[in-house]
Amino acid sequence: MSATARLLIECPDARGVVAAVASAVSDSGGNILEADQHTDPDSRRFFMRLEFEPEADRSSFEAAFAPIAEARQMAWRVRWGDTPRRVAILCSRETHCLSDLLWRWQNGDLPGAEVVLIAGNHDTGRALAEAAGAPFHHAPIAHQSAKAEQEAELERLLNEAGAELVVLARYMQVLSAGFCERWRDRVINIHHSFLPAFAGARPYHQAFERGVKLIGASAHYATAELDDGPIIAQRTAPVSHRDTVQDLVRTGRDLERVTLAEAVRLHLQDKVLVSGRRTVVFD
């Protein structure tokens, strides 16, 4: 784990903001390693991600920074890099995204992650979870009227495991508005990028019938509006009339794996700031 700290800020843009933040870190004995910033030209909102080597402990730094943040009307948070992020993964019948995430986690490609729970409404992910040494919980939905109870059980497991981030690795169940609100900006979902076109079942078959020339995948934070949350990462790939439905599905799965892993990595490295329906991604 890294010994650095990451400071994320959103506030009204004004002269001297960068200097005030840099001085606060320096006055606390910190050494700035990396800084990135963005000002939205329409809203005049200022966004900043700053990584530094801290000298003061967390409580001392936050106590010293709080008055500066208040004076600048900042929404801010700081994360110490030596604390792992507790991650839960939800899956359904298809396991290509789950398999990829677990492989990356085991090989150190998701730095800062600690997978504390894998759960699914199907049992197909159990073998992958057990092979990776992660606890698996099967939470089936016997009938649609039991969906609320199943979601409540999942949320109980998430809270019990101390999960900080929930990754929907092709979890093919709609989460309730209440769940999405309680876990706002902490649930990452993946879906094909045809939306809003080709919604519903068999999207690749629908796309094949329309002769699309480009397919893709989008990773976003889950909200009450289905597949409409702030986008974190997207990827596309060209296809042609020579590609079969199976070719589109295979290419789509590859894109889903890479895009979801990229979004999770960006979140773990505190490189995503949500602003309304949009995101600022420092990478």
Protein backbone atom coordinates (compact mmCIF):
# COMPACT_ATOMS: atom_id res chain seq x y z
CA MET A 1 0.00 0.00 0.00
CA SER A 2 1.10 3.54 -0.77
CA ALA A 3 2.04 5.92 2.05
CA THR A 4 0.72 8.91 0.11
CA ALA A 5 -2.53 10.80 0.60
CA ARG A 6 -4.98 12.05 -2.02
CA LEU A 7 -6.94 15.25 -1.67
CA LEU A 8 -9.98 15.82 -3.91
CA ILE A 9 -11.67 19.20 -4.14
CA GLU A 10 -14.65 20.83 -5.83
CA CYS A 11 -15.46 24.50 -5.28
CA PRO A 12 -16.29 27.75 -7.05
CA ASP A 13 -13.41 28.85 -9.25
CA ALA A 14 -11.57 31.84 -7.82
CA ARG A 15 -8.16 33.43 -7.85
CA GLY A 16 -5.73 31.86 -5.39
CA VAL A 17 -7.43 28.46 -4.89
CA VAL A 18 -4.42 26.47 -6.08
CA ALA A 19 -2.03 28.55 -3.98
CA ALA A 20 -4.22 28.12 -0.89
CA VAL A 21 -4.32 24.34 -1.29
CA ALA A 22 -0.60 24.04 -1.99
CA SER A 23 0.23 26.23 1.02
CA ALA A 24 -2.01 24.16 3.28
CA VAL A 25 -0.25 20.95 2.28
CA SER A 26 3.18 22.55 2.59
CA ASP A 27 2.39 24.11 5.98
CA SER A 28 1.41 20.66 7.27
CA GLY A 29 4.81 19.32 6.22
CA GLY A 30 3.47 17.51 3.18
CA ASN A 31 5.35 17.06 -0.09
CA ILE A 32 3.23 17.37 -3.26
CA LEU A 33 3.90 14.56 -5.74
CA GLU A 34 1.19 15.12 -8.32
CA ALA A 35 -1.51 17.70 -8.95
CA ASP A 36 -4.21 17.95 -11.59
CA GLN A 37 -7.01 20.47 -11.97
CA HIS A 38 -9.91 21.47 -14.18
CA THR A 39 -12.29 24.43 -14.35
CA ASP A 40 -15.66 23.90 -16.00
CA PRO A 41 -16.17 26.90 -18.31
CA ASP A 42 -19.95 26.82 -18.00
CA SER A 43 -20.49 26.35 -14.27
CA ARG A 44 -17.18 27.97 -13.22
CA ARG A 45 -16.65 25.06 -10.85
CA PHE A 46 -13.07 24.15 -9.97
CA PHE A 47 -11.94 20.53 -9.56
CA MET A 48 -8.60 19.32 -8.21
CA ARG A 49 -6.85 16.08 -7.35
CA LEU A 50 -3.64 16.36 -5.39
CA GLU A 51 -1.42 13.49 -4.23
CA PHE A 52 1.16 14.17 -1.55
CA GLU A 53 3.42 12.60 1.05
CA PRO A 54 1.92 13.63 4.39
CA GLU A 55 3.94 14.62 7.42
CA ALA A 56 0.98 15.23 9.74
CA ASP A 57 -1.45 12.48 10.70
CA ARG A 58 -4.90 12.42 9.14
CA SER A 59 -6.82 14.09 11.96
CA SER A 60 -4.26 16.90 12.26
CA PHE A 61 -4.25 17.58 8.54
CA GLU A 62 -8.03 17.57 8.26
CA ALA A 63 -8.39 19.89 11.25
CA ALA A 64 -5.91 22.34 9.69
CA PHE A 65 -7.46 22.16 6.23
CA ALA A 66 -11.11 22.48 7.30
CA PRO A 67 -11.08 26.30 7.82
CA ILE A 68 -9.48 26.80 4.40
CA ALA A 69 -12.09 24.57 2.81
CA GLU A 70 -14.92 26.41 4.53
CA ALA A 71 -13.63 29.79 3.43
CA ARG A 72 -13.47 28.58 -0.19
CA GLN A 73 -16.82 26.73 -0.05
CA MET A 74 -15.09 23.46 -0.88
CA ALA A 75 -16.56 20.00 -1.08
CA TRP A 76 -13.51 17.92 -0.28
CA ARG A 77 -12.22 14.59 0.94
CA VAL A 78 -8.82 13.13 1.68
CA ARG A 79 -7.86 9.47 1.51
CA TRP A 80 -4.76 7.95 3.04
CA GLY A 81 -3.18 5.49 0.59
CA ASP A 82 -2.10 3.00 3.25
CA THR A 83 -5.73 1.98 3.87
CA PRO A 84 -7.08 -0.64 1.42
CA ARG A 85 -10.46 -0.08 -0.24
CA ARG A 86 -12.91 -2.84 0.64
CA VAL A 87 -14.57 -4.00 -2.58
CA ALA A 88 -17.64 -6.20 -3.12
CA ILE A 89 -18.55 -7.71 -6.48
CA LEU A 90 -22.07 -8.69 -7.52
CA CYS A 91 -22.56 -11.06 -10.44
CA SER A 92 -25.21 -13.13 -12.21
CA ARG A 93 -24.99 -15.96 -14.72
CA GLU A 94 -22.24 -14.54 -16.96
CA THR A 95 -18.83 -14.47 -15.29
CA HIS A 96 -16.46 -12.89 -17.81
CA CYS A 97 -16.25 -9.59 -15.90
CA LEU A 98 -15.95 -11.33 -12.53
CA SER A 99 -13.16 -13.56 -13.82
CA ASP A 100 -11.26 -10.59 -15.22
CA LEU A 101 -11.56 -8.52 -12.04
CA LEU A 102 -10.39 -11.38 -9.85
CA TRP A 103 -7.43 -12.07 -12.15
CA ARG A 104 -6.41 -8.41 -12.04
CA TRP A 105 -6.84 -8.28 -8.27
CA GLN A 106 -4.68 -11.37 -7.75
CA ASN A 107 -2.00 -9.99 -10.07
CA GLY A 108 -1.85 -6.57 -8.42
CA ASP A 109 -3.51 -4.69 -11.29
CA LEU A 110 -6.12 -3.15 -8.98
CA PRO A 111 -3.84 -1.48 -6.41
CA GLY A 112 -5.54 -0.55 -3.19
CA ALA A 113 -8.35 -3.08 -3.56
CA GLU A 114 -9.33 -5.74 -1.05
CA VAL A 115 -12.11 -7.99 -2.33
CA VAL A 116 -14.18 -8.77 0.77
CA LEU A 117 -17.33 -10.25 -0.76
CA ILE A 118 -18.63 -11.78 -3.98
CA ALA A 119 -22.36 -12.39 -4.24
CA GLY A 120 -24.66 -13.45 -7.02
CA ASN A 121 -28.24 -14.35 -7.75
CA HIS A 122 -26.80 -17.37 -9.60
CA ASP A 123 -24.20 -19.79 -8.25
CA THR A 124 -21.95 -19.70 -11.31
CA GLY A 125 -19.39 -17.37 -9.71
CA ARG A 126 -18.69 -19.58 -6.70
CA ALA A 127 -15.79 -21.55 -8.20
CA LEU A 128 -14.04 -18.36 -9.36
CA ALA A 129 -14.47 -16.74 -5.96
CA GLU A 130 -13.20 -19.76 -4.07
CA ALA A 131 -10.18 -20.09 -6.39
CA ALA A 132 -9.33 -16.45 -5.65
CA GLY A 133 -9.79 -16.92 -1.90
CA ALA A 134 -12.75 -14.54 -1.70
CA PRO A 135 -15.98 -15.30 0.19
CA PHE A 136 -18.98 -16.07 -2.02
CA HIS A 137 -22.66 -15.78 -1.12
CA HIS A 138 -25.46 -17.16 -3.26
CA ALA A 139 -28.52 -14.91 -3.07
CA PRO A 140 -31.12 -16.34 -5.45
CA ILE A 141 -34.44 -14.71 -6.29
CA ALA A 142 -37.06 -17.43 -6.08
CA HIS A 143 -39.81 -15.18 -7.46
CA GLN A 144 -40.15 -11.50 -8.34
CA SER A 145 -42.07 -10.69 -5.16
CA ALA A 146 -38.99 -11.73 -3.15
CA LYS A 147 -36.68 -9.28 -4.93
CA ALA A 148 -36.86 -6.66 -2.18
CA GLU A 149 -35.95 -9.22 0.47
CA GLN A 150 -33.02 -10.45 -1.62
CA GLU A 151 -31.71 -6.91 -2.08
CA ALA A 152 -32.04 -6.27 1.66
CA GLU A 153 -30.02 -9.43 2.32
CA LEU A 154 -27.33 -8.29 -0.11
CA GLU A 155 -27.14 -4.89 1.56
CA ARG A 156 -26.85 -6.53 4.95
CA LEU A 157 -23.91 -8.59 3.64
CA LEU A 158 -22.28 -5.50 2.14
CA ASN A 159 -22.52 -3.59 5.40
CA GLU A 160 -21.34 -6.59 7.40
CA ALA A 161 -18.29 -6.91 5.14
CA GLY A 162 -17.57 -3.19 5.46
CA ALA A 163 -17.71 -2.73 1.68
CA GLU A 164 -16.80 0.74 0.40
CA LEU A 165 -17.25 0.03 -3.31
CA VAL A 166 -19.73 -2.27 -5.06
CA VAL A 167 -18.91 -3.48 -8.57
CA LEU A 168 -21.73 -4.85 -10.71
CA ALA A 169 -19.88 -7.43 -12.81
CA ARG A 170 -22.78 -8.05 -15.19
CA TYR A 171 -25.19 -8.29 -12.26
CA MET A 172 -28.42 -8.54 -14.20
CA GLN A 173 -30.79 -7.19 -11.56
CA VAL A 174 -32.14 -3.67 -11.22
CA LEU A 175 -31.21 -2.06 -7.91
CA SER A 176 -33.86 -0.06 -6.09
CA ALA A 177 -33.79 3.74 -5.93
CA GLY A 178 -33.21 3.54 -2.17
CA PHE A 179 -30.18 1.28 -2.58
CA CYS A 180 -28.70 3.55 -5.26
CA GLU A 181 -29.18 6.60 -3.06
CA ARG A 182 -27.58 4.98 0.00
CA TRP A 183 -24.61 3.85 -2.11
CA ARG A 184 -24.40 6.95 -4.29
CA ASP A 185 -21.14 7.16 -6.29
CA ARG A 186 -20.05 3.85 -4.77
CA VAL A 187 -21.66 1.39 -7.21
CA ILE A 188 -20.02 0.89 -10.61
CA ASN A 189 -22.02 -0.77 -13.39
CA ILE A 190 -21.06 -1.95 -16.89
CA HIS A 191 -23.27 -2.23 -19.95
CA HIS A 192 -23.08 -2.21 -23.72
CA SER A 193 -22.90 1.23 -25.28
CA PHE A 194 -25.85 0.78 -27.62
CA LEU A 195 -28.12 2.37 -25.02
CA PRO A 196 -30.61 3.94 -25.37
CA ALA A 197 -30.77 1.99 -28.62
CA PHE A 198 -31.23 -1.79 -28.46
CA ALA A 199 -32.43 -1.81 -24.87
CA GLY A 200 -33.72 -5.00 -23.29
CA ALA A 201 -32.86 -8.60 -24.11
CA ARG A 202 -30.37 -9.77 -26.76
CA PRO A 203 -28.88 -6.34 -27.60
CA TYR A 204 -26.15 -7.80 -29.81
CA HIS A 205 -28.73 -9.67 -31.86
CA GLN A 206 -30.67 -6.43 -32.27
CA ALA A 207 -27.49 -4.60 -33.28
CA PHE A 208 -26.59 -7.31 -35.78
CA GLU A 209 -30.00 -7.02 -37.40
CA ARG A 210 -29.47 -3.25 -37.78
CA GLY A 211 -25.99 -3.69 -39.25
CA VAL A 212 -24.11 -1.52 -36.77
CA LYS A 213 -20.52 -0.55 -37.55
CA LEU A 214 -19.37 0.28 -34.04
CA ILE A 215 -19.97 -1.38 -30.68
CA GLY A 216 -18.75 -0.49 -27.22
CA ALA A 217 -19.10 -0.61 -23.46
CA SER A 218 -19.76 2.02 -20.78
CA ALA A 219 -18.92 1.92 -17.09
CA HIS A 220 -20.82 4.33 -14.88
CA TYR A 221 -22.02 4.95 -11.35
CA ALA A 222 -25.41 3.36 -10.74
CA THR A 223 -28.37 5.66 -10.13
CA ALA A 224 -32.13 5.24 -9.80
CA GLU A 225 -32.38 5.97 -13.53
CA LEU A 226 -31.43 2.67 -15.14
CA ASP A 227 -28.11 2.79 -17.02
CA ASP A 228 -28.12 6.59 -16.87
CA GLY A 229 -25.54 7.37 -14.18
CA PRO A 230 -22.38 9.49 -14.49
CA ILE A 231 -20.02 7.82 -16.97
CA ILE A 232 -16.52 6.89 -15.81
CA ALA A 233 -15.04 5.06 -18.80
CA GLN A 234 -16.01 3.99 -22.31
CA ARG A 235 -14.43 1.96 -25.10
CA THR A 236 -15.45 1.13 -28.63
CA ALA A 237 -14.44 -1.28 -31.40
CA PRO A 238 -15.30 -1.32 -35.12
CA VAL A 239 -17.35 -4.17 -36.59
CA SER A 240 -18.43 -4.93 -40.14
CA HIS A 241 -20.89 -6.88 -42.24
CA ARG A 242 -18.52 -9.86 -42.00
CA ASP A 243 -19.03 -10.17 -38.23
CA THR A 244 -21.58 -12.66 -36.92
CA VAL A 245 -23.69 -12.24 -33.81
CA GLN A 246 -21.16 -14.41 -31.99
CA ASP A 247 -18.35 -12.08 -33.13
CA LEU A 248 -20.24 -9.08 -31.74
CA VAL A 249 -20.87 -10.83 -28.43
CA ARG A 250 -17.21 -11.85 -28.12
CA THR A 251 -15.96 -8.34 -28.94
CA GLY A 252 -18.54 -6.82 -26.60
CA ARG A 253 -17.45 -9.05 -23.72
CA ASP A 254 -13.82 -8.06 -24.26
CA LEU A 255 -14.79 -4.39 -24.16
CA GLU A 256 -16.89 -4.90 -21.03
CA ARG A 257 -14.00 -6.54 -19.20
CA VAL A 258 -11.46 -3.84 -20.01
CA THR A 259 -13.84 -0.91 -19.50
CA LEU A 260 -15.13 -2.12 -16.14
CA ALA A 261 -11.60 -2.78 -14.87
CA GLU A 262 -10.52 0.69 -16.02
CA ALA A 263 -13.42 2.32 -14.17
CA VAL A 264 -12.68 0.38 -10.98
CA ARG A 265 -9.00 1.34 -11.17
CA LEU A 266 -9.84 5.02 -11.63
CA HIS A 267 -12.19 4.92 -8.64
CA LEU A 268 -9.65 3.14 -6.45
CA GLN A 269 -7.03 5.75 -7.32
CA ASP A 270 -9.44 8.59 -6.47
CA LYS A 271 -9.30 9.96 -10.00
CA VAL A 272 -13.05 10.47 -10.43
CA LEU A 273 -15.07 13.45 -9.23
CA VAL A 274 -18.83 13.43 -9.83
CA SER A 275 -20.47 16.70 -10.82
CA GLY A 276 -24.19 16.31 -11.41
CA ARG A 277 -24.73 13.84 -14.24
CA ARG A 278 -21.13 14.14 -15.40
CA THR A 279 -17.71 13.17 -14.12
CA VAL A 280 -14.29 14.78 -14.08
CA VAL A 281 -11.74 11.99 -14.60
CA PHE A 282 -8.08 12.74 -13.94
CA ASP A 283 -5.93 10.16 -15.74
